[in-house]
PDBML (XML) file of the C-alpha atoms, coordinates in Angstrom:
<?xml version="1.0" encoding="UTF-8" ?>
<PDBx:datablock datablockName="MODEL"
   xmlns:PDBx="http://pdbml.pdb.org/schema/pdbx-v50.xsd"
   xmlns:xsi="http://www.w3.org/2001/XMLSchema-instance"
   xsi:schemaLocation="http://pdbml.pdb.org/schema/pdbx-v50.xsd pdbx-v50.xsd">
   <PDBx:atom_siteCategory>
      <PDBx:atom_site id="1">
         <PDBx:B_iso_or_equiv>0.00</PDBx:B_iso_or_equiv>
         <PDBx:Cartn_x>16.570</PDBx:Cartn_x>
         <PDBx:Cartn_y>2.070</PDBx:Cartn_y>
         <PDBx:Cartn_z>7.592</PDBx:Cartn_z>
         <PDBx:auth_asym_id>A</PDBx:auth_asym_id>
         <PDBx:auth_atom_id>CA</PDBx:auth_atom_id>
         <PDBx:auth_comp_id>UNK</PDBx:auth_comp_id>
         <PDBx:auth_seq_id>1</PDBx:auth_seq_id>
         <PDBx:group_PDB>ATOM</PDBx:group_PDB>
         <PDBx:label_alt_id xsi:nil="true" />
         <PDBx:label_asym_id>A</PDBx:label_asym_id>
         <PDBx:label_atom_id>CA</PDBx:label_atom_id>
         <PDBx:label_comp_id>UNK</PDBx:label_comp_id>
         <PDBx:label_entity_id>1</PDBx:label_entity_id>
         <PDBx:label_seq_id>1</PDBx:label_seq_id>
         <PDBx:occupancy>1.00</PDBx:occupancy>
         <PDBx:pdbx_PDB_model_num>1</PDBx:pdbx_PDB_model_num>
         <PDBx:type_symbol>C</PDBx:type_symbol>
      </PDBx:atom_site>
      <PDBx:atom_site id="2">
         <PDBx:B_iso_or_equiv>0.00</PDBx:B_iso_or_equiv>
         <PDBx:Cartn_x>13.431</PDBx:Cartn_x>
         <PDBx:Cartn_y>3.338</PDBx:Cartn_y>
         <PDBx:Cartn_z>6.365</PDBx:Cartn_z>
         <PDBx:auth_asym_id>A</PDBx:auth_asym_id>
         <PDBx:auth_atom_id>CA</PDBx:auth_atom_id>
         <PDBx:auth_comp_id>UNK</PDBx:auth_comp_id>
         <PDBx:auth_seq_id>2</PDBx:auth_seq_id>
         <PDBx:group_PDB>ATOM</PDBx:group_PDB>
         <PDBx:label_alt_id xsi:nil="true" />
         <PDBx:label_asym_id>A</PDBx:label_asym_id>
         <PDBx:label_atom_id>CA</PDBx:label_atom_id>
         <PDBx:label_comp_id>UNK</PDBx:label_comp_id>
         <PDBx:label_entity_id>1</PDBx:label_entity_id>
         <PDBx:label_seq_id>2</PDBx:label_seq_id>
         <PDBx:occupancy>1.00</PDBx:occupancy>
         <PDBx:pdbx_PDB_model_num>1</PDBx:pdbx_PDB_model_num>
         <PDBx:type_symbol>C</PDBx:type_symbol>
      </PDBx:atom_site>
      <PDBx:atom_site id="3">
         <PDBx:B_iso_or_equiv>0.00</PDBx:B_iso_or_equiv>
         <PDBx:Cartn_x>11.135</PDBx:Cartn_x>
         <PDBx:Cartn_y>0.933</PDBx:Cartn_y>
         <PDBx:Cartn_z>4.046</PDBx:Cartn_z>
         <PDBx:auth_asym_id>A</PDBx:auth_asym_id>
         <PDBx:auth_atom_id>CA</PDBx:auth_atom_id>
         <PDBx:auth_comp_id>UNK</PDBx:auth_comp_id>
         <PDBx:auth_seq_id>3</PDBx:auth_seq_id>
         <PDBx:group_PDB>ATOM</PDBx:group_PDB>
         <PDBx:label_alt_id xsi:nil="true" />
         <PDBx:label_asym_id>A</PDBx:label_asym_id>
         <PDBx:label_atom_id>CA</PDBx:label_atom_id>
         <PDBx:label_comp_id>UNK</PDBx:label_comp_id>
         <PDBx:label_entity_id>1</PDBx:label_entity_id>
         <PDBx:label_seq_id>3</PDBx:label_seq_id>
         <PDBx:occupancy>1.00</PDBx:occupancy>
         <PDBx:pdbx_PDB_model_num>1</PDBx:pdbx_PDB_model_num>
         <PDBx:type_symbol>C</PDBx:type_symbol>
      </PDBx:atom_site>
      <PDBx:atom_site id="4">
         <PDBx:B_iso_or_equiv>0.00</PDBx:B_iso_or_equiv>
         <PDBx:Cartn_x>7.681</PDBx:Cartn_x>
         <PDBx:Cartn_y>1.804</PDBx:Cartn_y>
         <PDBx:Cartn_z>2.078</PDBx:Cartn_z>
         <PDBx:auth_asym_id>A</PDBx:auth_asym_id>
         <PDBx:auth_atom_id>CA</PDBx:auth_atom_id>
         <PDBx:auth_comp_id>UNK</PDBx:auth_comp_id>
         <PDBx:auth_seq_id>4</PDBx:auth_seq_id>
         <PDBx:group_PDB>ATOM</PDBx:group_PDB>
         <PDBx:label_alt_id xsi:nil="true" />
         <PDBx:label_asym_id>A</PDBx:label_asym_id>
         <PDBx:label_atom_id>CA</PDBx:label_atom_id>
         <PDBx:label_comp_id>UNK</PDBx:label_comp_id>
         <PDBx:label_entity_id>1</PDBx:label_entity_id>
         <PDBx:label_seq_id>4</PDBx:label_seq_id>
         <PDBx:occupancy>1.00</PDBx:occupancy>
         <PDBx:pdbx_PDB_model_num>1</PDBx:pdbx_PDB_model_num>
         <PDBx:type_symbol>C</PDBx:type_symbol>
      </PDBx:atom_site>
      <PDBx:atom_site id="5">
         <PDBx:B_iso_or_equiv>0.00</PDBx:B_iso_or_equiv>
         <PDBx:Cartn_x>4.676</PDBx:Cartn_x>
         <PDBx:Cartn_y>0.370</PDBx:Cartn_y>
         <PDBx:Cartn_z>1.200</PDBx:Cartn_z>
         <PDBx:auth_asym_id>A</PDBx:auth_asym_id>
         <PDBx:auth_atom_id>CA</PDBx:auth_atom_id>
         <PDBx:auth_comp_id>UNK</PDBx:auth_comp_id>
         <PDBx:auth_seq_id>5</PDBx:auth_seq_id>
         <PDBx:group_PDB>ATOM</PDBx:group_PDB>
         <PDBx:label_alt_id xsi:nil="true" />
         <PDBx:label_asym_id>A</PDBx:label_asym_id>
         <PDBx:label_atom_id>CA</PDBx:label_atom_id>
         <PDBx:label_comp_id>UNK</PDBx:label_comp_id>
         <PDBx:label_entity_id>1</PDBx:label_entity_id>
         <PDBx:label_seq_id>5</PDBx:label_seq_id>
         <PDBx:occupancy>1.00</PDBx:occupancy>
         <PDBx:pdbx_PDB_model_num>1</PDBx:pdbx_PDB_model_num>
         <PDBx:type_symbol>C</PDBx:type_symbol>
      </PDBx:atom_site>
      <PDBx:atom_site id="6">
         <PDBx:B_iso_or_equiv>0.00</PDBx:B_iso_or_equiv>
         <PDBx:Cartn_x>2.054</PDBx:Cartn_x>
         <PDBx:Cartn_y>0.538</PDBx:Cartn_y>
         <PDBx:Cartn_z>-1.469</PDBx:Cartn_z>
         <PDBx:auth_asym_id>A</PDBx:auth_asym_id>
         <PDBx:auth_atom_id>CA</PDBx:auth_atom_id>
         <PDBx:auth_comp_id>UNK</PDBx:auth_comp_id>
         <PDBx:auth_seq_id>6</PDBx:auth_seq_id>
         <PDBx:group_PDB>ATOM</PDBx:group_PDB>
         <PDBx:label_alt_id xsi:nil="true" />
         <PDBx:label_asym_id>A</PDBx:label_asym_id>
         <PDBx:label_atom_id>CA</PDBx:label_atom_id>
         <PDBx:label_comp_id>UNK</PDBx:label_comp_id>
         <PDBx:label_entity_id>1</PDBx:label_entity_id>
         <PDBx:label_seq_id>6</PDBx:label_seq_id>
         <PDBx:occupancy>1.00</PDBx:occupancy>
         <PDBx:pdbx_PDB_model_num>1</PDBx:pdbx_PDB_model_num>
         <PDBx:type_symbol>C</PDBx:type_symbol>
      </PDBx:atom_site>
      <PDBx:atom_site id="7">
         <PDBx:B_iso_or_equiv>0.00</PDBx:B_iso_or_equiv>
         <PDBx:Cartn_x>-0.855</PDBx:Cartn_x>
         <PDBx:Cartn_y>-1.621</PDBx:Cartn_y>
         <PDBx:Cartn_z>-1.241</PDBx:Cartn_z>
         <PDBx:auth_asym_id>A</PDBx:auth_asym_id>
         <PDBx:auth_atom_id>CA</PDBx:auth_atom_id>
         <PDBx:auth_comp_id>UNK</PDBx:auth_comp_id>
         <PDBx:auth_seq_id>7</PDBx:auth_seq_id>
         <PDBx:group_PDB>ATOM</PDBx:group_PDB>
         <PDBx:label_alt_id xsi:nil="true" />
         <PDBx:label_asym_id>A</PDBx:label_asym_id>
         <PDBx:label_atom_id>CA</PDBx:label_atom_id>
         <PDBx:label_comp_id>UNK</PDBx:label_comp_id>
         <PDBx:label_entity_id>1</PDBx:label_entity_id>
         <PDBx:label_seq_id>7</PDBx:label_seq_id>
         <PDBx:occupancy>1.00</PDBx:occupancy>
         <PDBx:pdbx_PDB_model_num>1</PDBx:pdbx_PDB_model_num>
         <PDBx:type_symbol>C</PDBx:type_symbol>
      </PDBx:atom_site>
      <PDBx:atom_site id="8">
         <PDBx:B_iso_or_equiv>0.00</PDBx:B_iso_or_equiv>
         <PDBx:Cartn_x>-3.474</PDBx:Cartn_x>
         <PDBx:Cartn_y>-1.428</PDBx:Cartn_y>
         <PDBx:Cartn_z>-5.084</PDBx:Cartn_z>
         <PDBx:auth_asym_id>A</PDBx:auth_asym_id>
         <PDBx:auth_atom_id>CA</PDBx:auth_atom_id>
         <PDBx:auth_comp_id>UNK</PDBx:auth_comp_id>
         <PDBx:auth_seq_id>8</PDBx:auth_seq_id>
         <PDBx:group_PDB>ATOM</PDBx:group_PDB>
         <PDBx:label_alt_id xsi:nil="true" />
         <PDBx:label_asym_id>A</PDBx:label_asym_id>
         <PDBx:label_atom_id>CA</PDBx:label_atom_id>
         <PDBx:label_comp_id>UNK</PDBx:label_comp_id>
         <PDBx:label_entity_id>1</PDBx:label_entity_id>
         <PDBx:label_seq_id>8</PDBx:label_seq_id>
         <PDBx:occupancy>1.00</PDBx:occupancy>
         <PDBx:pdbx_PDB_model_num>1</PDBx:pdbx_PDB_model_num>
         <PDBx:type_symbol>C</PDBx:type_symbol>
      </PDBx:atom_site>
      <PDBx:atom_site id="9">
         <PDBx:B_iso_or_equiv>0.00</PDBx:B_iso_or_equiv>
         <PDBx:Cartn_x>-6.097</PDBx:Cartn_x>
         <PDBx:Cartn_y>-3.556</PDBx:Cartn_y>
         <PDBx:Cartn_z>-4.166</PDBx:Cartn_z>
         <PDBx:auth_asym_id>A</PDBx:auth_asym_id>
         <PDBx:auth_atom_id>CA</PDBx:auth_atom_id>
         <PDBx:auth_comp_id>UNK</PDBx:auth_comp_id>
         <PDBx:auth_seq_id>9</PDBx:auth_seq_id>
         <PDBx:group_PDB>ATOM</PDBx:group_PDB>
         <PDBx:label_alt_id xsi:nil="true" />
         <PDBx:label_asym_id>A</PDBx:label_asym_id>
         <PDBx:label_atom_id>CA</PDBx:label_atom_id>
         <PDBx:label_comp_id>UNK</PDBx:label_comp_id>
         <PDBx:label_entity_id>1</PDBx:label_entity_id>
         <PDBx:label_seq_id>9</PDBx:label_seq_id>
         <PDBx:occupancy>1.00</PDBx:occupancy>
         <PDBx:pdbx_PDB_model_num>1</PDBx:pdbx_PDB_model_num>
         <PDBx:type_symbol>C</PDBx:type_symbol>
      </PDBx:atom_site>
      <PDBx:atom_site id="10">
         <PDBx:B_iso_or_equiv>0.00</PDBx:B_iso_or_equiv>
         <PDBx:Cartn_x>-8.868</PDBx:Cartn_x>
         <PDBx:Cartn_y>-4.333</PDBx:Cartn_y>
         <PDBx:Cartn_z>-6.786</PDBx:Cartn_z>
         <PDBx:auth_asym_id>A</PDBx:auth_asym_id>
         <PDBx:auth_atom_id>CA</PDBx:auth_atom_id>
         <PDBx:auth_comp_id>UNK</PDBx:auth_comp_id>
         <PDBx:auth_seq_id>10</PDBx:auth_seq_id>
         <PDBx:group_PDB>ATOM</PDBx:group_PDB>
         <PDBx:label_alt_id xsi:nil="true" />
         <PDBx:label_asym_id>A</PDBx:label_asym_id>
         <PDBx:label_atom_id>CA</PDBx:label_atom_id>
         <PDBx:label_comp_id>UNK</PDBx:label_comp_id>
         <PDBx:label_entity_id>1</PDBx:label_entity_id>
         <PDBx:label_seq_id>10</PDBx:label_seq_id>
         <PDBx:occupancy>1.00</PDBx:occupancy>
         <PDBx:pdbx_PDB_model_num>1</PDBx:pdbx_PDB_model_num>
         <PDBx:type_symbol>C</PDBx:type_symbol>
      </PDBx:atom_site>
      <PDBx:atom_site id="11">
         <PDBx:B_iso_or_equiv>0.00</PDBx:B_iso_or_equiv>
         <PDBx:Cartn_x>-12.043</PDBx:Cartn_x>
         <PDBx:Cartn_y>-6.184</PDBx:Cartn_y>
         <PDBx:Cartn_z>-5.609</PDBx:Cartn_z>
         <PDBx:auth_asym_id>A</PDBx:auth_asym_id>
         <PDBx:auth_atom_id>CA</PDBx:auth_atom_id>
         <PDBx:auth_comp_id>UNK</PDBx:auth_comp_id>
         <PDBx:auth_seq_id>11</PDBx:auth_seq_id>
         <PDBx:group_PDB>ATOM</PDBx:group_PDB>
         <PDBx:label_alt_id xsi:nil="true" />
         <PDBx:label_asym_id>A</PDBx:label_asym_id>
         <PDBx:label_atom_id>CA</PDBx:label_atom_id>
         <PDBx:label_comp_id>UNK</PDBx:label_comp_id>
         <PDBx:label_entity_id>1</PDBx:label_entity_id>
         <PDBx:label_seq_id>11</PDBx:label_seq_id>
         <PDBx:occupancy>1.00</PDBx:occupancy>
         <PDBx:pdbx_PDB_model_num>1</PDBx:pdbx_PDB_model_num>
         <PDBx:type_symbol>C</PDBx:type_symbol>
      </PDBx:atom_site>
      <PDBx:atom_site id="12">
         <PDBx:B_iso_or_equiv>0.00</PDBx:B_iso_or_equiv>
         <PDBx:Cartn_x>-15.262</PDBx:Cartn_x>
         <PDBx:Cartn_y>-5.705</PDBx:Cartn_y>
         <PDBx:Cartn_z>-7.257</PDBx:Cartn_z>
         <PDBx:auth_asym_id>A</PDBx:auth_asym_id>
         <PDBx:auth_atom_id>CA</PDBx:auth_atom_id>
         <PDBx:auth_comp_id>UNK</PDBx:auth_comp_id>
         <PDBx:auth_seq_id>12</PDBx:auth_seq_id>
         <PDBx:group_PDB>ATOM</PDBx:group_PDB>
         <PDBx:label_alt_id xsi:nil="true" />
         <PDBx:label_asym_id>A</PDBx:label_asym_id>
         <PDBx:label_atom_id>CA</PDBx:label_atom_id>
         <PDBx:label_comp_id>UNK</PDBx:label_comp_id>
         <PDBx:label_entity_id>1</PDBx:label_entity_id>
         <PDBx:label_seq_id>12</PDBx:label_seq_id>
         <PDBx:occupancy>1.00</PDBx:occupancy>
         <PDBx:pdbx_PDB_model_num>1</PDBx:pdbx_PDB_model_num>
         <PDBx:type_symbol>C</PDBx:type_symbol>
      </PDBx:atom_site>
      <PDBx:atom_site id="13">
         <PDBx:B_iso_or_equiv>0.00</PDBx:B_iso_or_equiv>
         <PDBx:Cartn_x>-13.847</PDBx:Cartn_x>
         <PDBx:Cartn_y>-4.058</PDBx:Cartn_y>
         <PDBx:Cartn_z>-9.670</PDBx:Cartn_z>
         <PDBx:auth_asym_id>A</PDBx:auth_asym_id>
         <PDBx:auth_atom_id>CA</PDBx:auth_atom_id>
         <PDBx:auth_comp_id>UNK</PDBx:auth_comp_id>
         <PDBx:auth_seq_id>13</PDBx:auth_seq_id>
         <PDBx:group_PDB>ATOM</PDBx:group_PDB>
         <PDBx:label_alt_id xsi:nil="true" />
         <PDBx:label_asym_id>A</PDBx:label_asym_id>
         <PDBx:label_atom_id>CA</PDBx:label_atom_id>
         <PDBx:label_comp_id>UNK</PDBx:label_comp_id>
         <PDBx:label_entity_id>1</PDBx:label_entity_id>
         <PDBx:label_seq_id>13</PDBx:label_seq_id>
         <PDBx:occupancy>1.00</PDBx:occupancy>
         <PDBx:pdbx_PDB_model_num>1</PDBx:pdbx_PDB_model_num>
         <PDBx:type_symbol>C</PDBx:type_symbol>
      </PDBx:atom_site>
      <PDBx:atom_site id="14">
         <PDBx:B_iso_or_equiv>0.00</PDBx:B_iso_or_equiv>
         <PDBx:Cartn_x>-12.534</PDBx:Cartn_x>
         <PDBx:Cartn_y>-1.049</PDBx:Cartn_y>
         <PDBx:Cartn_z>-7.417</PDBx:Cartn_z>
         <PDBx:auth_asym_id>A</PDBx:auth_asym_id>
         <PDBx:auth_atom_id>CA</PDBx:auth_atom_id>
         <PDBx:auth_comp_id>UNK</PDBx:auth_comp_id>
         <PDBx:auth_seq_id>14</PDBx:auth_seq_id>
         <PDBx:group_PDB>ATOM</PDBx:group_PDB>
         <PDBx:label_alt_id xsi:nil="true" />
         <PDBx:label_asym_id>A</PDBx:label_asym_id>
         <PDBx:label_atom_id>CA</PDBx:label_atom_id>
         <PDBx:label_comp_id>UNK</PDBx:label_comp_id>
         <PDBx:label_entity_id>1</PDBx:label_entity_id>
         <PDBx:label_seq_id>14</PDBx:label_seq_id>
         <PDBx:occupancy>1.00</PDBx:occupancy>
         <PDBx:pdbx_PDB_model_num>1</PDBx:pdbx_PDB_model_num>
         <PDBx:type_symbol>C</PDBx:type_symbol>
      </PDBx:atom_site>
      <PDBx:atom_site id="15">
         <PDBx:B_iso_or_equiv>0.00</PDBx:B_iso_or_equiv>
         <PDBx:Cartn_x>-9.092</PDBx:Cartn_x>
         <PDBx:Cartn_y>0.039</PDBx:Cartn_y>
         <PDBx:Cartn_z>-7.361</PDBx:Cartn_z>
         <PDBx:auth_asym_id>A</PDBx:auth_asym_id>
         <PDBx:auth_atom_id>CA</PDBx:auth_atom_id>
         <PDBx:auth_comp_id>UNK</PDBx:auth_comp_id>
         <PDBx:auth_seq_id>15</PDBx:auth_seq_id>
         <PDBx:group_PDB>ATOM</PDBx:group_PDB>
         <PDBx:label_alt_id xsi:nil="true" />
         <PDBx:label_asym_id>A</PDBx:label_asym_id>
         <PDBx:label_atom_id>CA</PDBx:label_atom_id>
         <PDBx:label_comp_id>UNK</PDBx:label_comp_id>
         <PDBx:label_entity_id>1</PDBx:label_entity_id>
         <PDBx:label_seq_id>15</PDBx:label_seq_id>
         <PDBx:occupancy>1.00</PDBx:occupancy>
         <PDBx:pdbx_PDB_model_num>1</PDBx:pdbx_PDB_model_num>
         <PDBx:type_symbol>C</PDBx:type_symbol>
      </PDBx:atom_site>
      <PDBx:atom_site id="16">
         <PDBx:B_iso_or_equiv>0.00</PDBx:B_iso_or_equiv>
         <PDBx:Cartn_x>-7.460</PDBx:Cartn_x>
         <PDBx:Cartn_y>1.094</PDBx:Cartn_y>
         <PDBx:Cartn_z>-3.904</PDBx:Cartn_z>
         <PDBx:auth_asym_id>A</PDBx:auth_asym_id>
         <PDBx:auth_atom_id>CA</PDBx:auth_atom_id>
         <PDBx:auth_comp_id>UNK</PDBx:auth_comp_id>
         <PDBx:auth_seq_id>16</PDBx:auth_seq_id>
         <PDBx:group_PDB>ATOM</PDBx:group_PDB>
         <PDBx:label_alt_id xsi:nil="true" />
         <PDBx:label_asym_id>A</PDBx:label_asym_id>
         <PDBx:label_atom_id>CA</PDBx:label_atom_id>
         <PDBx:label_comp_id>UNK</PDBx:label_comp_id>
         <PDBx:label_entity_id>1</PDBx:label_entity_id>
         <PDBx:label_seq_id>16</PDBx:label_seq_id>
         <PDBx:occupancy>1.00</PDBx:occupancy>
         <PDBx:pdbx_PDB_model_num>1</PDBx:pdbx_PDB_model_num>
         <PDBx:type_symbol>C</PDBx:type_symbol>
      </PDBx:atom_site>
      <PDBx:atom_site id="17">
         <PDBx:B_iso_or_equiv>0.00</PDBx:B_iso_or_equiv>
         <PDBx:Cartn_x>-3.815</PDBx:Cartn_x>
         <PDBx:Cartn_y>2.549</PDBx:Cartn_y>
         <PDBx:Cartn_z>-3.279</PDBx:Cartn_z>
         <PDBx:auth_asym_id>A</PDBx:auth_asym_id>
         <PDBx:auth_atom_id>CA</PDBx:auth_atom_id>
         <PDBx:auth_comp_id>UNK</PDBx:auth_comp_id>
         <PDBx:auth_seq_id>17</PDBx:auth_seq_id>
         <PDBx:group_PDB>ATOM</PDBx:group_PDB>
         <PDBx:label_alt_id xsi:nil="true" />
         <PDBx:label_asym_id>A</PDBx:label_asym_id>
         <PDBx:label_atom_id>CA</PDBx:label_atom_id>
         <PDBx:label_comp_id>UNK</PDBx:label_comp_id>
         <PDBx:label_entity_id>1</PDBx:label_entity_id>
         <PDBx:label_seq_id>17</PDBx:label_seq_id>
         <PDBx:occupancy>1.00</PDBx:occupancy>
         <PDBx:pdbx_PDB_model_num>1</PDBx:pdbx_PDB_model_num>
         <PDBx:type_symbol>C</PDBx:type_symbol>
      </PDBx:atom_site>
      <PDBx:atom_site id="18">
         <PDBx:B_iso_or_equiv>0.00</PDBx:B_iso_or_equiv>
         <PDBx:Cartn_x>-3.038</PDBx:Cartn_x>
         <PDBx:Cartn_y>2.284</PDBx:Cartn_y>
         <PDBx:Cartn_z>0.568</PDBx:Cartn_z>
         <PDBx:auth_asym_id>A</PDBx:auth_asym_id>
         <PDBx:auth_atom_id>CA</PDBx:auth_atom_id>
         <PDBx:auth_comp_id>UNK</PDBx:auth_comp_id>
         <PDBx:auth_seq_id>18</PDBx:auth_seq_id>
         <PDBx:group_PDB>ATOM</PDBx:group_PDB>
         <PDBx:label_alt_id xsi:nil="true" />
         <PDBx:label_asym_id>A</PDBx:label_asym_id>
         <PDBx:label_atom_id>CA</PDBx:label_atom_id>
         <PDBx:label_comp_id>UNK</PDBx:label_comp_id>
         <PDBx:label_entity_id>1</PDBx:label_entity_id>
         <PDBx:label_seq_id>18</PDBx:label_seq_id>
         <PDBx:occupancy>1.00</PDBx:occupancy>
         <PDBx:pdbx_PDB_model_num>1</PDBx:pdbx_PDB_model_num>
         <PDBx:type_symbol>C</PDBx:type_symbol>
      </PDBx:atom_site>
      <PDBx:atom_site id="19">
         <PDBx:B_iso_or_equiv>0.00</PDBx:B_iso_or_equiv>
         <PDBx:Cartn_x>0.972</PDBx:Cartn_x>
         <PDBx:Cartn_y>3.548</PDBx:Cartn_y>
         <PDBx:Cartn_z>0.891</PDBx:Cartn_z>
         <PDBx:auth_asym_id>A</PDBx:auth_asym_id>
         <PDBx:auth_atom_id>CA</PDBx:auth_atom_id>
         <PDBx:auth_comp_id>UNK</PDBx:auth_comp_id>
         <PDBx:auth_seq_id>19</PDBx:auth_seq_id>
         <PDBx:group_PDB>ATOM</PDBx:group_PDB>
         <PDBx:label_alt_id xsi:nil="true" />
         <PDBx:label_asym_id>A</PDBx:label_asym_id>
         <PDBx:label_atom_id>CA</PDBx:label_atom_id>
         <PDBx:label_comp_id>UNK</PDBx:label_comp_id>
         <PDBx:label_entity_id>1</PDBx:label_entity_id>
         <PDBx:label_seq_id>19</PDBx:label_seq_id>
         <PDBx:occupancy>1.00</PDBx:occupancy>
         <PDBx:pdbx_PDB_model_num>1</PDBx:pdbx_PDB_model_num>
         <PDBx:type_symbol>C</PDBx:type_symbol>
      </PDBx:atom_site>
      <PDBx:atom_site id="20">
         <PDBx:B_iso_or_equiv>0.00</PDBx:B_iso_or_equiv>
         <PDBx:Cartn_x>1.918</PDBx:Cartn_x>
         <PDBx:Cartn_y>3.058</PDBx:Cartn_y>
         <PDBx:Cartn_z>4.468</PDBx:Cartn_z>
         <PDBx:auth_asym_id>A</PDBx:auth_asym_id>
         <PDBx:auth_atom_id>CA</PDBx:auth_atom_id>
         <PDBx:auth_comp_id>UNK</PDBx:auth_comp_id>
         <PDBx:auth_seq_id>20</PDBx:auth_seq_id>
         <PDBx:group_PDB>ATOM</PDBx:group_PDB>
         <PDBx:label_alt_id xsi:nil="true" />
         <PDBx:label_asym_id>A</PDBx:label_asym_id>
         <PDBx:label_atom_id>CA</PDBx:label_atom_id>
         <PDBx:label_comp_id>UNK</PDBx:label_comp_id>
         <PDBx:label_entity_id>1</PDBx:label_entity_id>
         <PDBx:label_seq_id>20</PDBx:label_seq_id>
         <PDBx:occupancy>1.00</PDBx:occupancy>
         <PDBx:pdbx_PDB_model_num>1</PDBx:pdbx_PDB_model_num>
         <PDBx:type_symbol>C</PDBx:type_symbol>
      </PDBx:atom_site>
      <PDBx:atom_site id="21">
         <PDBx:B_iso_or_equiv>0.00</PDBx:B_iso_or_equiv>
         <PDBx:Cartn_x>5.888</PDBx:Cartn_x>
         <PDBx:Cartn_y>3.521</PDBx:Cartn_y>
         <PDBx:Cartn_z>6.258</PDBx:Cartn_z>
         <PDBx:auth_asym_id>A</PDBx:auth_asym_id>
         <PDBx:auth_atom_id>CA</PDBx:auth_atom_id>
         <PDBx:auth_comp_id>UNK</PDBx:auth_comp_id>
         <PDBx:auth_seq_id>21</PDBx:auth_seq_id>
         <PDBx:group_PDB>ATOM</PDBx:group_PDB>
         <PDBx:label_alt_id xsi:nil="true" />
         <PDBx:label_asym_id>A</PDBx:label_asym_id>
         <PDBx:label_atom_id>CA</PDBx:label_atom_id>
         <PDBx:label_comp_id>UNK</PDBx:label_comp_id>
         <PDBx:label_entity_id>1</PDBx:label_entity_id>
         <PDBx:label_seq_id>21</PDBx:label_seq_id>
         <PDBx:occupancy>1.00</PDBx:occupancy>
         <PDBx:pdbx_PDB_model_num>1</PDBx:pdbx_PDB_model_num>
         <PDBx:type_symbol>C</PDBx:type_symbol>
      </PDBx:atom_site>
      <PDBx:atom_site id="22">
         <PDBx:B_iso_or_equiv>0.00</PDBx:B_iso_or_equiv>
         <PDBx:Cartn_x>7.593</PDBx:Cartn_x>
         <PDBx:Cartn_y>1.471</PDBx:Cartn_y>
         <PDBx:Cartn_z>8.687</PDBx:Cartn_z>
         <PDBx:auth_asym_id>A</PDBx:auth_asym_id>
         <PDBx:auth_atom_id>CA</PDBx:auth_atom_id>
         <PDBx:auth_comp_id>UNK</PDBx:auth_comp_id>
         <PDBx:auth_seq_id>22</PDBx:auth_seq_id>
         <PDBx:group_PDB>ATOM</PDBx:group_PDB>
         <PDBx:label_alt_id xsi:nil="true" />
         <PDBx:label_asym_id>A</PDBx:label_asym_id>
         <PDBx:label_atom_id>CA</PDBx:label_atom_id>
         <PDBx:label_comp_id>UNK</PDBx:label_comp_id>
         <PDBx:label_entity_id>1</PDBx:label_entity_id>
         <PDBx:label_seq_id>22</PDBx:label_seq_id>
         <PDBx:occupancy>1.00</PDBx:occupancy>
         <PDBx:pdbx_PDB_model_num>1</PDBx:pdbx_PDB_model_num>
         <PDBx:type_symbol>C</PDBx:type_symbol>
      </PDBx:atom_site>
      <PDBx:atom_site id="23">
         <PDBx:B_iso_or_equiv>0.00</PDBx:B_iso_or_equiv>
         <PDBx:Cartn_x>10.985</PDBx:Cartn_x>
         <PDBx:Cartn_y>2.518</PDBx:Cartn_y>
         <PDBx:Cartn_z>10.331</PDBx:Cartn_z>
         <PDBx:auth_asym_id>A</PDBx:auth_asym_id>
         <PDBx:auth_atom_id>CA</PDBx:auth_atom_id>
         <PDBx:auth_comp_id>UNK</PDBx:auth_comp_id>
         <PDBx:auth_seq_id>23</PDBx:auth_seq_id>
         <PDBx:group_PDB>ATOM</PDBx:group_PDB>
         <PDBx:label_alt_id xsi:nil="true" />
         <PDBx:label_asym_id>A</PDBx:label_asym_id>
         <PDBx:label_atom_id>CA</PDBx:label_atom_id>
         <PDBx:label_comp_id>UNK</PDBx:label_comp_id>
         <PDBx:label_entity_id>1</PDBx:label_entity_id>
         <PDBx:label_seq_id>23</PDBx:label_seq_id>
         <PDBx:occupancy>1.00</PDBx:occupancy>
         <PDBx:pdbx_PDB_model_num>1</PDBx:pdbx_PDB_model_num>
         <PDBx:type_symbol>C</PDBx:type_symbol>
      </PDBx:atom_site>
      <PDBx:atom_site id="24">
         <PDBx:B_iso_or_equiv>0.00</PDBx:B_iso_or_equiv>
         <PDBx:Cartn_x>13.483</PDBx:Cartn_x>
         <PDBx:Cartn_y>-1.200</PDBx:Cartn_y>
         <PDBx:Cartn_z>10.759</PDBx:Cartn_z>
         <PDBx:auth_asym_id>A</PDBx:auth_asym_id>
         <PDBx:auth_atom_id>CA</PDBx:auth_atom_id>
         <PDBx:auth_comp_id>UNK</PDBx:auth_comp_id>
         <PDBx:auth_seq_id>24</PDBx:auth_seq_id>
         <PDBx:group_PDB>ATOM</PDBx:group_PDB>
         <PDBx:label_alt_id xsi:nil="true" />
         <PDBx:label_asym_id>A</PDBx:label_asym_id>
         <PDBx:label_atom_id>CA</PDBx:label_atom_id>
         <PDBx:label_comp_id>UNK</PDBx:label_comp_id>
         <PDBx:label_entity_id>1</PDBx:label_entity_id>
         <PDBx:label_seq_id>24</PDBx:label_seq_id>
         <PDBx:occupancy>1.00</PDBx:occupancy>
         <PDBx:pdbx_PDB_model_num>1</PDBx:pdbx_PDB_model_num>
         <PDBx:type_symbol>C</PDBx:type_symbol>
      </PDBx:atom_site>
   </PDBx:atom_siteCategory>
</PDBx:datablock>
């Protein structure tokens, strides 16, 4: 399988989005 993780982080009023990919 393959996987994706989307992380949405909000800190001090600022939002960042990061997408990571995996094989399994």
